[in-house]
Amino acid sequence: MCLSTLAKIAAVAACMALAPVAAAAQTYPSKPIKLIVPAPPGGAIDILARLVGERLAVSMGQPVIVENKPGASNNLGTDLIAKSAPDGYTIGIVGGSHNIAKFLFKDLPWDPEKSFEPIVYTHVVPLVFGVYPGIPAKTLPELVAWLKANPDKAKVATSGRGSAQEMAAEMFQMTSGAKLVMVPYKGSSQAHPDLLAGRTALYIDTISAIKGHVKSGAVRAVAVSTAKRSAALPDVPTAAEQGLTGYDANTNGGILAPAGTPKPIIARLNAEINAILKMPDIAAKLEGAGIEVQGGSPEDYAALIKSDLVKWGKVVKEAGIEPE
């Protein structure tokens, strides 16, 4: 048998192998889509999932069922996404902890890159340095000075191991020279009462979670964590503006699917979700909650994950944090 004949046979075989994938993509979706949120209701990724899910159901012509699967520092729900069938009918939305977990947990059952197909980079949520008002610090330099002068009171709330809030606090400790006492909680709702009562001095929390307390005066915002100011709190300067050079932390994330999900399905979801993120009413609702809309290609989201892994891996190493 000549080489040209062998080549033709190989090409036909390849086409036959791809035929079921192409057919599945053409008929997709033919049943409801599940959108998993590996966190409790009320947070940034839950808000985003419900807004996007509602519009995605309309544009895709099938129900989109949002399911909250919190637990184990968001690892439980993320593992569920990773182990779902790669057919486009189970997707998930993740936050900042997605790119941190591999450095903090020895037996993590999923890999942030290998276990998933990125669909779209959806959002960034700046963090706010929220200070108990009883502390006489109205700027970030004043806060650093107070923390250094009062090491016994330098208690900083975090949202538990592997959270963006914990990493932001570690980065703050490294760049400011202040020695902090990390007090872990299982999320904002548990951390806020102690901050409001002065049992903790500081909580570097998401704008979406803490903005209400800032607006009421129950918490004083002395800085935002990102490289530029937030539209949700435009009068609050960044940490870098106040002398913390190079400080840039946030919780970001996007929507992804299990590894092996067909590329045509990824492309369809990417196009639909990008269109939803550009809708003026959706963008306004998200920005009003302190969630900055992103968007872009699957490759853009893959690049963000890769760069975040480098950044947070360095922070974990320099902070001397050992995986559990």
Foldseek 3Di string as FASTA:
>chain_A
DDPVVVVVVVVVVVCVVCVVLVVLLVPPPPEEAEEEEQADPDDLQNVLCVLLQVQVCVVRVYHYHYHYNYDDLSLRRVVVQLPDDLARRYKYKDKQLLLQQPQAAPPRPDHSQQFWQFQKFWWWFWWFWWFQVVQPDQAPVSVLVVLQVCVVQQEEEAQDPSDLQVLLVLLCCVQSVGDHHYDYDNDDVVPVVCRLVSVHGTTGGTCLRCVVCCVVVSIRTHAIQAPAAAPLCNVHHHPCVVPSPPGHTIMTIHMIGTPPNDPSSSNVSLVSSQVSCPPVVSCVVSSNSRIHTDGDGSVVRSVVSVVSNVVSSVSCVVSVRHHD
